[in-house]
Amino acid sequence: MNWFEKIKKYYDASLWTGKMVGNAVVKKKITVEQYKKITGEDYKK
């Protein structure tokens, strides 16, 4: 399972918040496009 799949699973299970997913973008674990796929929102710095 890659980072995108793990983070999506955690977000969908309400184990991660949008802010936590955003931190994964900052740490380059996922892309801005993947952030939008996970949260349904545009990424804002």
Protein backbone atom coordinates (compact mmCIF):
# COMPACT_ATOMS: atom_id res chain seq x y z
CA MET A 1 0.00 0.00 0.00
CA ASN A 2 1.43 3.39 -0.97
CA TRP A 3 1.15 6.68 0.93
CA PHE A 4 -1.89 7.85 -1.03
CA GLU A 5 -3.82 4.66 -0.28
CA LYS A 6 -2.87 4.69 3.41
CA ILE A 7 -3.76 8.35 3.93
CA LYS A 8 -7.06 7.99 2.03
CA LYS A 9 -7.97 4.99 4.18
CA TYR A 10 -7.17 6.89 7.39
CA TYR A 11 -9.05 10.01 6.24
CA ASP A 12 -12.10 8.00 5.17
CA ALA A 13 -12.11 6.30 8.60
CA SER A 14 -11.92 9.75 10.29
CA LEU A 15 -8.53 8.88 11.78
CA TRP A 16 -6.89 11.79 9.92
CA THR A 17 -8.08 15.39 9.57
CA GLY A 18 -7.74 17.61 6.51
CA LYS A 19 -4.86 19.37 8.24
CA MET A 20 -3.05 16.07 8.70
CA VAL A 21 -3.53 15.27 5.01
CA GLY A 22 -2.17 18.74 4.20
CA ASN A 23 0.91 17.99 6.28
CA ALA A 24 1.50 14.95 4.06
CA VAL A 25 1.60 17.32 1.05
CA VAL A 26 4.17 19.53 2.83
CA LYS A 27 6.30 16.45 3.57
CA LYS A 28 5.97 15.37 -0.09
CA LYS A 29 4.27 12.07 0.74
CA ILE A 30 1.34 12.94 -1.57
CA THR A 31 0.73 15.54 -4.27
CA VAL A 32 -1.66 18.50 -4.29
CA GLU A 33 -3.83 16.57 -6.76
CA GLN A 34 -3.95 13.57 -4.42
CA TYR A 35 -4.92 15.88 -1.54
CA LYS A 36 -7.96 16.99 -3.56
CA LYS A 37 -8.87 13.37 -4.38
CA ILE A 38 -8.74 12.48 -0.68
CA THR A 39 -10.48 15.50 0.84
CA GLY A 40 -12.55 16.83 -2.07
CA GLU A 41 -11.15 20.30 -1.37
CA ASP A 42 -8.45 22.42 -3.00
CA TYR A 43 -5.14 22.47 -1.14
CA LYS A 44 -4.36 25.76 0.58
CA LYS A 45 -0.97 26.46 2.10
